[in-house]
C-alpha atoms as a PDB file:
ATOM      1  CA  UNK A   1      19.342  13.543  -1.152  1.00  0.00           C
ATOM      2  CA  UNK A   2      19.750   9.703  -1.972  1.00  0.00           C
ATOM      3  CA  UNK A   3      21.978   9.668   0.955  1.00  0.00           C
ATOM      4  CA  UNK A   4      19.803  11.198   3.479  1.00  0.00           C
ATOM      5  CA  UNK A   5      16.873   8.422   1.989  1.00  0.00           C
ATOM      6  CA  UNK A   6      19.583   6.034   2.813  1.00  0.00           C
ATOM      7  CA  UNK A   7      20.012   7.061   6.251  1.00  0.00           C
ATOM      8  CA  UNK A   8      16.671   7.551   6.613  1.00  0.00           C
ATOM      9  CA  UNK A   9      15.999   4.211   5.952  1.00  0.00           C
ATOM     10  CA  UNK A  10      18.841   1.977   7.278  1.00  0.00           C
ATOM     11  CA  UNK A  11      17.446   3.824  11.050  1.00  0.00           C
ATOM     12  CA  UNK A  12      13.774   2.131  10.230  1.00  0.00           C
ATOM     13  CA  UNK A  13      13.330  -0.473  12.674  1.00  0.00           C
ATOM     14  CA  UNK A  14      10.185  -2.105  11.017  1.00  0.00           C
ATOM     15  CA  UNK A  15       7.826  -0.558   8.122  1.00  0.00           C
ATOM     16  CA  UNK A  16       5.494   1.863  10.318  1.00  0.00           C
ATOM     17  CA  UNK A  17       9.249   3.743  10.730  1.00  0.00           C
ATOM     18  CA  UNK A  18      10.003   3.147   7.568  1.00  0.00           C
ATOM     19  CA  UNK A  19       7.446   4.552   4.932  1.00  0.00           C
ATOM     20  CA  UNK A  20       7.004   7.354   7.333  1.00  0.00           C
ATOM     21  CA  UNK A  21      10.755   8.120   6.838  1.00  0.00           C
ATOM     22  CA  UNK A  22      10.160   7.786   2.855  1.00  0.00           C
ATOM     23  CA  UNK A  23       7.374  10.161   3.212  1.00  0.00           C
ATOM     24  CA  UNK A  24       8.830  12.692   5.036  1.00  0.00           C
ATOM     25  CA  UNK A  25      12.489  12.333   2.981  1.00  0.00           C
ATOM     26  CA  UNK A  26      10.082  13.345  -0.311  1.00  0.00           C
ATOM     27  CA  UNK A  27       8.670  16.390   1.269  1.00  0.00           C
ATOM     28  CA  UNK A  28      12.233  17.438   3.091  1.00  0.00           C
ATOM     29  CA  UNK A  29      14.482  16.697   0.450  1.00  0.00           C
ATOM     30  CA  UNK A  30      12.527  16.798  -2.704  1.00  0.00           C
ATOM     31  CA  UNK A  31       9.580  19.138  -1.272  1.00  0.00           C
ATOM     32  CA  UNK A  32       6.711  16.779  -1.961  1.00  0.00           C
ATOM     33  CA  UNK A  33       4.469  17.580   1.033  1.00  0.00           C
ATOM     34  CA  UNK A  34       1.341  15.724   0.192  1.00  0.00           C
ATOM     35  CA  UNK A  35       1.690  11.654  -0.249  1.00  0.00           C
ATOM     36  CA  UNK A  36       1.360   8.247   0.339  1.00  0.00           C
ATOM     37  CA  UNK A  37       2.160   4.898  -0.051  1.00  0.00           C
ATOM     38  CA  UNK A  38       0.233   1.826  -0.966  1.00  0.00           C
ATOM     39  CA  UNK A  39       1.006  -1.708  -1.011  1.00  0.00           C
ATOM     40  CA  UNK A  40      -0.953  -4.665  -2.725  1.00  0.00           C
ATOM     41  CA  UNK A  41      -4.049  -6.131  -0.426  1.00  0.00           C
ATOM     42  CA  UNK A  42      -4.847  -9.893   0.284  1.00  0.00           C
ATOM     43  CA  UNK A  43      -8.013  -9.097  -2.098  1.00  0.00           C
ATOM     44  CA  UNK A  44      -6.160  -9.295  -6.207  1.00  0.00           C
ATOM     45  CA  UNK A  45      -7.234  -6.198  -7.336  1.00  0.00           C
ATOM     46  CA  UNK A  46      -6.715  -3.691  -4.366  1.00  0.00           C
ATOM     47  CA  UNK A  47      -4.407  -2.059  -2.745  1.00  0.00           C
ATOM     48  CA  UNK A  48      -4.606  -0.962   0.786  1.00  0.00           C
ATOM     49  CA  UNK A  49      -3.361   3.039   2.292  1.00  0.00           C
ATOM     50  CA  UNK A  50      -0.521   2.101   4.633  1.00  0.00           C
ATOM     51  CA  UNK A  51       1.392   5.748   5.170  1.00  0.00           C
ATOM     52  CA  UNK A  52       0.460   9.244   4.259  1.00  0.00           C
ATOM     53  CA  UNK A  53       1.739  12.653   5.006  1.00  0.00           C
ATOM     54  CA  UNK A  54       1.048  16.338   4.677  1.00  0.00           C
ATOM     55  CA  UNK A  55      -3.405  15.469   4.628  1.00  0.00           C
ATOM     56  CA  UNK A  56      -6.048  16.648   6.697  1.00  0.00           C
ATOM     57  CA  UNK A  57      -6.758  13.136   7.864  1.00  0.00           C
ATOM     58  CA  UNK A  58      -4.437   9.513   8.009  1.00  0.00           C
ATOM     59  CA  UNK A  59      -6.739   7.567   6.181  1.00  0.00           C
ATOM     60  CA  UNK A  60      -4.597   4.390   6.324  1.00  0.00           C
ATOM     61  CA  UNK A  61      -6.329   1.480   5.476  1.00  0.00           C
ATOM     62  CA  UNK A  62      -8.248   2.673   2.676  1.00  0.00           C
ATOM     63  CA  UNK A  63      -8.275   0.751  -0.333  1.00  0.00           C
ATOM     64  CA  UNK A  64      -8.244   1.299  -4.280  1.00  0.00           C
ATOM     65  CA  UNK A  65      -8.744  -0.849  -6.939  1.00  0.00           C
ATOM     66  CA  UNK A  66      -6.889  -1.194 -10.081  1.00  0.00           C
ATOM     67  CA  UNK A  67      -7.586   1.504 -12.293  1.00  0.00           C
ATOM     68  CA  UNK A  68      -9.038   3.728 -10.156  1.00  0.00           C
ATOM     69  CA  UNK A  69      -8.053   7.184 -10.077  1.00  0.00           C
ATOM     70  CA  UNK A  70      -3.802   7.883 -10.520  1.00  0.00           C
ATOM     71  CA  UNK A  71      -2.948   5.360  -7.012  1.00  0.00           C
ATOM     72  CA  UNK A  72      -5.073   2.416  -9.125  1.00  0.00           C
ATOM     73  CA  UNK A  73      -3.630   3.636 -13.110  1.00  0.00           C
ATOM     74  CA  UNK A  74       0.248   3.126 -11.724  1.00  0.00           C
ATOM     75  CA  UNK A  75      -0.323  -0.100 -10.157  1.00  0.00           C
ATOM     76  CA  UNK A  76      -2.239  -1.187 -13.488  1.00  0.00           C
ATOM     77  CA  UNK A  77       0.261  -0.039 -15.533  1.00  0.00           C
ATOM     78  CA  UNK A  78       3.400   0.023 -13.484  1.00  0.00           C
ATOM     79  CA  UNK A  79       4.774   2.853 -14.931  1.00  0.00           C
ATOM     80  CA  UNK A  80       4.926   6.090 -13.642  1.00  0.00           C
ATOM     81  CA  UNK A  81       2.485   9.107 -14.550  1.00  0.00           C
ATOM     82  CA  UNK A  82       2.046  12.905 -14.534  1.00  0.00           C
ATOM     83  CA  UNK A  83      -1.356  14.225 -14.387  1.00  0.00           C
ATOM     84  CA  UNK A  84      -2.374  17.908 -14.039  1.00  0.00           C
ATOM     85  CA  UNK A  85      -5.603  19.607 -12.953  1.00  0.00           C
ATOM     86  CA  UNK A  86      -8.044  19.005 -16.178  1.00  0.00           C
ATOM     87  CA  UNK A  87      -6.852  15.498 -16.790  1.00  0.00           C
ATOM     88  CA  UNK A  88      -7.280  14.967 -12.670  1.00  0.00           C
ATOM     89  CA  UNK A  89     -11.070  15.858 -12.365  1.00  0.00           C
ATOM     90  CA  UNK A  90     -11.811  13.471 -15.552  1.00  0.00           C
ATOM     91  CA  UNK A  91     -10.531  11.072 -14.081  1.00  0.00           C
ATOM     92  CA  UNK A  92     -12.045  11.104 -10.510  1.00  0.00           C
ATOM     93  CA  UNK A  93     -15.372  12.034 -12.656  1.00  0.00           C
ATOM     94  CA  UNK A  94     -14.728   8.654 -14.527  1.00  0.00           C
ATOM     95  CA  UNK A  95     -14.121   6.622 -11.535  1.00  0.00           C
ATOM     96  CA  UNK A  96     -17.034   8.118  -8.755  1.00  0.00           C
ATOM     97  CA  UNK A  97     -18.563   6.612 -11.831  1.00  0.00           C
ATOM     98  CA  UNK A  98     -17.121   3.022 -12.233  1.00  0.00           C
ATOM     99  CA  UNK A  99     -18.289   2.795  -8.217  1.00  0.00           C
ATOM    100  CA  UNK A 100     -21.417   3.760  -8.577  1.00  0.00           C
ATOM    101  CA  UNK A 101     -21.687   1.092 -11.319  1.00  0.00           C
ATOM    102  CA  UNK A 102     -19.754  -1.194  -9.314  1.00  0.00           C
ATOM    103  CA  UNK A 103     -21.775  -0.654  -5.659  1.00  0.00           C
ATOM    104  CA  UNK A 104     -25.309   0.369  -7.346  1.00  0.00           C
ATOM    105  CA  UNK A 105     -27.357   2.874  -5.452  1.00  0.00           C
ATOM    106  CA  UNK A 106     -27.662   2.650  -1.873  1.00  0.00           C
ATOM    107  CA  UNK A 107     -24.954  -0.084  -1.954  1.00  0.00           C
ATOM    108  CA  UNK A 108     -21.841  -0.511   0.074  1.00  0.00           C
ATOM    109  CA  UNK A 109     -19.134   2.425   0.147  1.00  0.00           C
ATOM    110  CA  UNK A 110     -15.801   2.855   1.006  1.00  0.00           C
ATOM    111  CA  UNK A 111     -15.340   2.628   4.910  1.00  0.00           C
ATOM    112  CA  UNK A 112     -12.290   4.741   4.695  1.00  0.00           C
ATOM    113  CA  UNK A 113     -12.079   7.597   2.623  1.00  0.00           C
ATOM    114  CA  UNK A 114      -8.648   8.119   0.794  1.00  0.00           C
ATOM    115  CA  UNK A 115      -7.309  10.943   1.812  1.00  0.00           C
ATOM    116  CA  UNK A 116      -6.343  14.033  -1.368  1.00  0.00           C
ATOM    117  CA  UNK A 117      -6.198  17.759  -2.077  1.00  0.00           C
ATOM    118  CA  UNK A 118      -9.842  18.103  -2.929  1.00  0.00           C
ATOM    119  CA  UNK A 119      -8.157  21.491  -5.309  1.00  0.00           C
ATOM    120  CA  UNK A 120      -4.983  19.734  -6.321  1.00  0.00           C
ATOM    121  CA  UNK A 121      -3.481  20.434  -9.426  1.00  0.00           C
ATOM    122  CA  UNK A 122      -0.983  18.220 -10.173  1.00  0.00           C
ATOM    123  CA  UNK A 123      -0.636  14.157  -9.318  1.00  0.00           C
ATOM    124  CA  UNK A 124       2.616  12.156  -9.329  1.00  0.00           C
ATOM    125  CA  UNK A 125       2.998   8.595  -9.066  1.00  0.00           C
ATOM    126  CA  UNK A 126       5.145   5.971  -9.230  1.00  0.00           C
ATOM    127  CA  UNK A 127       4.703   1.537  -9.110  1.00  0.00           C
ATOM    128  CA  UNK A 128       7.444   0.152  -6.909  1.00  0.00           C
ATOM    129  CA  UNK A 129       8.742  -2.484  -8.471  1.00  0.00           C
ATOM    130  CA  UNK A 130      10.634  -5.994  -7.289  1.00  0.00           C
ATOM    131  CA  UNK A 131      11.533  -7.884 -10.695  1.00  0.00           C
ATOM    132  CA  UNK A 132       8.252  -7.946 -12.267  1.00  0.00           C
ATOM    133  CA  UNK A 133       6.853  -7.859  -8.459  1.00  0.00           C
ATOM    134  CA  UNK A 134       4.543  -4.905  -7.527  1.00  0.00           C
ATOM    135  CA  UNK A 135       5.312  -3.982  -4.182  1.00  0.00           C
ATOM    136  CA  UNK A 136       3.562  -0.568  -3.421  1.00  0.00           C
ATOM    137  CA  UNK A 137       3.070   2.456  -4.962  1.00  0.00           C
ATOM    138  CA  UNK A 138       3.286   6.404  -3.958  1.00  0.00           C
ATOM    139  CA  UNK A 139       1.756   9.168  -5.383  1.00  0.00           C
ATOM    140  CA  UNK A 140       2.116  12.923  -4.497  1.00  0.00           C
ATOM    141  CA  UNK A 141       0.168  16.307  -5.580  1.00  0.00           C
ATOM    142  CA  UNK A 142       0.081  19.307  -4.971  1.00  0.00           C
ATOM    143  CA  UNK A 143      -2.232  22.165  -5.676  1.00  0.00           C
ATOM    144  CA  UNK A 144       0.349  24.854  -7.251  1.00  0.00           C
ATOM    145  CA  UNK A 145      -0.204  24.634 -11.216  1.00  0.00           C
ATOM    146  CA  UNK A 146       2.284  22.986 -12.667  1.00  0.00           C
ATOM    147  CA  UNK A 147       3.939  21.388  -9.998  1.00  0.00           C
ATOM    148  CA  UNK A 148       5.212  18.450 -10.961  1.00  0.00           C
ATOM    149  CA  UNK A 149       8.133  18.752 -13.805  1.00  0.00           C
ATOM    150  CA  UNK A 150       9.499  15.690 -15.989  1.00  0.00           C
ATOM    151  CA  UNK A 151      12.711  16.579 -13.512  1.00  0.00           C
ATOM    152  CA  UNK A 152      10.763  15.311 -10.373  1.00  0.00           C
ATOM    153  CA  UNK A 153       9.381  12.339 -12.378  1.00  0.00           C
ATOM    154  CA  UNK A 154      13.603  12.195 -13.543  1.00  0.00           C
ATOM    155  CA  UNK A 155      13.957  11.970  -9.635  1.00  0.00           C
ATOM    156  CA  UNK A 156      11.018   9.876  -8.414  1.00  0.00           C
ATOM    157  CA  UNK A 157      12.315   7.455 -10.428  1.00  0.00           C
ATOM    158  CA  UNK A 158      15.426   7.474  -9.990  1.00  0.00           C
ATOM    159  CA  UNK A 159      14.141   6.648  -5.318  1.00  0.00           C
ATOM    160  CA  UNK A 160      11.653   4.102  -7.069  1.00  0.00           C
ATOM    161  CA  UNK A 161      13.797   0.501  -6.872  1.00  0.00           C
ATOM    162  CA  UNK A 162      15.635   1.643  -4.407  1.00  0.00           C
ATOM    163  CA  UNK A 163      12.114   2.377  -1.934  1.00  0.00           C
ATOM    164  CA  UNK A 164      10.500  -1.333  -2.955  1.00  0.00           C
ATOM    165  CA  UNK A 165      13.855  -3.541  -2.664  1.00  0.00           C
ATOM    166  CA  UNK A 166      13.718  -1.248   1.371  1.00  0.00           C
ATOM    167  CA  UNK A 167       9.768  -2.453   1.600  1.00  0.00           C
ATOM    168  CA  UNK A 168      10.228  -5.192   0.374  1.00  0.00           C
ATOM    169  CA  UNK A 169      12.872  -6.442   3.003  1.00  0.00           C
ATOM    170  CA  UNK A 170      11.314  -4.821   5.297  1.00  0.00           C
ATOM    171  CA  UNK A 171       8.014  -6.245   5.060  1.00  0.00           C
ATOM    172  CA  UNK A 172       9.929  -9.971   4.623  1.00  0.00           C
ATOM    173  CA  UNK A 173      11.757  -9.588   7.839  1.00  0.00           C
ATOM    174  CA  UNK A 174       8.472  -8.676   9.910  1.00  0.00           C
ATOM    175  CA  UNK A 175       6.907 -11.590   8.622  1.00  0.00           C
ATOM    176  CA  UNK A 176       9.992 -13.412   9.533  1.00  0.00           C
ATOM    177  CA  UNK A 177       9.896 -12.292  12.500  1.00  0.00           C
ATOM    178  CA  UNK A 178       6.317 -12.885  13.243  1.00  0.00           C
ATOM    179  CA  UNK A 179       6.844 -16.982  12.430  1.00  0.00           C
ATOM    180  CA  UNK A 180      10.135 -16.888  15.031  1.00  0.00           C
ATOM    181  CA  UNK A 181       8.107 -15.025  17.460  1.00  0.00           C
ATOM    182  CA  UNK A 182       5.486 -17.648  17.313  1.00  0.00           C
ATOM    183  CA  UNK A 183       4.270 -19.992  19.656  1.00  0.00           C
ATOM    184  CA  UNK A 184       5.169 -24.463  17.931  1.00  0.00           C
ATOM    185  CA  UNK A 185       2.064 -25.755  17.379  1.00  0.00           C
ATOM    186  CA  UNK A 186       2.273 -28.629  18.402  1.00  0.00           C
ATOM    187  CA  UNK A 187       1.790 -31.811  16.784  1.00  0.00           C
ATOM    188  CA  UNK A 188      -1.498 -33.802  17.210  1.00  0.00           C
ATOM    189  CA  UNK A 189      -2.184 -36.756  19.467  1.00  0.00           C
ATOM    190  CA  UNK A 190      -2.344 -40.061  17.856  1.00  0.00           C
ATOM    191  CA  UNK A 191      -5.860 -41.436  18.150  1.00  0.00           C
ATOM    192  CA  UNK A 192      -6.204 -43.768  21.047  1.00  0.00           C
ATOM    193  CA  UNK A 193      -6.938 -46.947  20.363  1.00  0.00           C
ATOM    194  CA  UNK A 194     -10.297 -48.064  20.798  1.00  0.00           C
ATOM    195  CA  UNK A 195     -10.925 -50.080  24.214  1.00  0.00           C
ATOM    196  CA  UNK A 196     -12.737 -53.282  23.330  1.00  0.00           C
ATOM    197  CA  UNK A 197     -15.590 -53.361  25.047  1.00  0.00           C
ATOM    198  CA  UNK A 198     -15.902 -55.697  28.430  1.00  0.00           C
ATOM    199  CA  UNK A 199     -18.653 -58.758  27.441  1.00  0.00           C
ATOM    200  CA  UNK A 200     -21.791 -58.333  29.594  1.00  0.00           C
ATOM    201  CA  UNK A 201     -21.478 -60.664  32.767  1.00  0.00           C
ATOM    202  CA  UNK A 202     -23.411 -64.258  32.615  1.00  0.00           C
ATOM    203  CA  UNK A 203     -26.599 -64.793  34.545  1.00  0.00           C
ATOM    204  CA  UNK A 204     -25.674 -67.164  37.726  1.00  0.00           C
END
């Protein structure tokens, strides 16, 4: 499974292709059919979804705040989390309550809903860390009771650092390529010296 994942990562030529191949490997090599990857957004304390697999709608662009749901909890704690269906329901209710308190009645709602199984029985989340820096979060879920075991948690933890480095390297590569392909910014022209006004003509 590690060899397959490594081959997929080396073949990816963009961040989009990379994250899609990672989720494909999670399904084909580990049997995780429903998964998503989120990365820190520009706004502090917010994660944004960049790839999903196995859901009815893509959900790319959906945002999650730190501490919200399993993805936000994993990002906040920076530790793997495995939860059951009952606990998931309690956490979902708590997240909805916090969201209603934050936005208020009739306030702004989330533009893009986060994908999720309506009858999920278990979830497994993993922080992607590189030297203590949060690069992203991988979350998988299943509608099969007791689907995730300690072996699954250990397996996905093993992949975590490898996936985190791959995503960070691709992000840095794309930023560098964007900077190189951008048109050079011309330096501002020096201000011209003000001309001395001509004296008005004298009356003859």
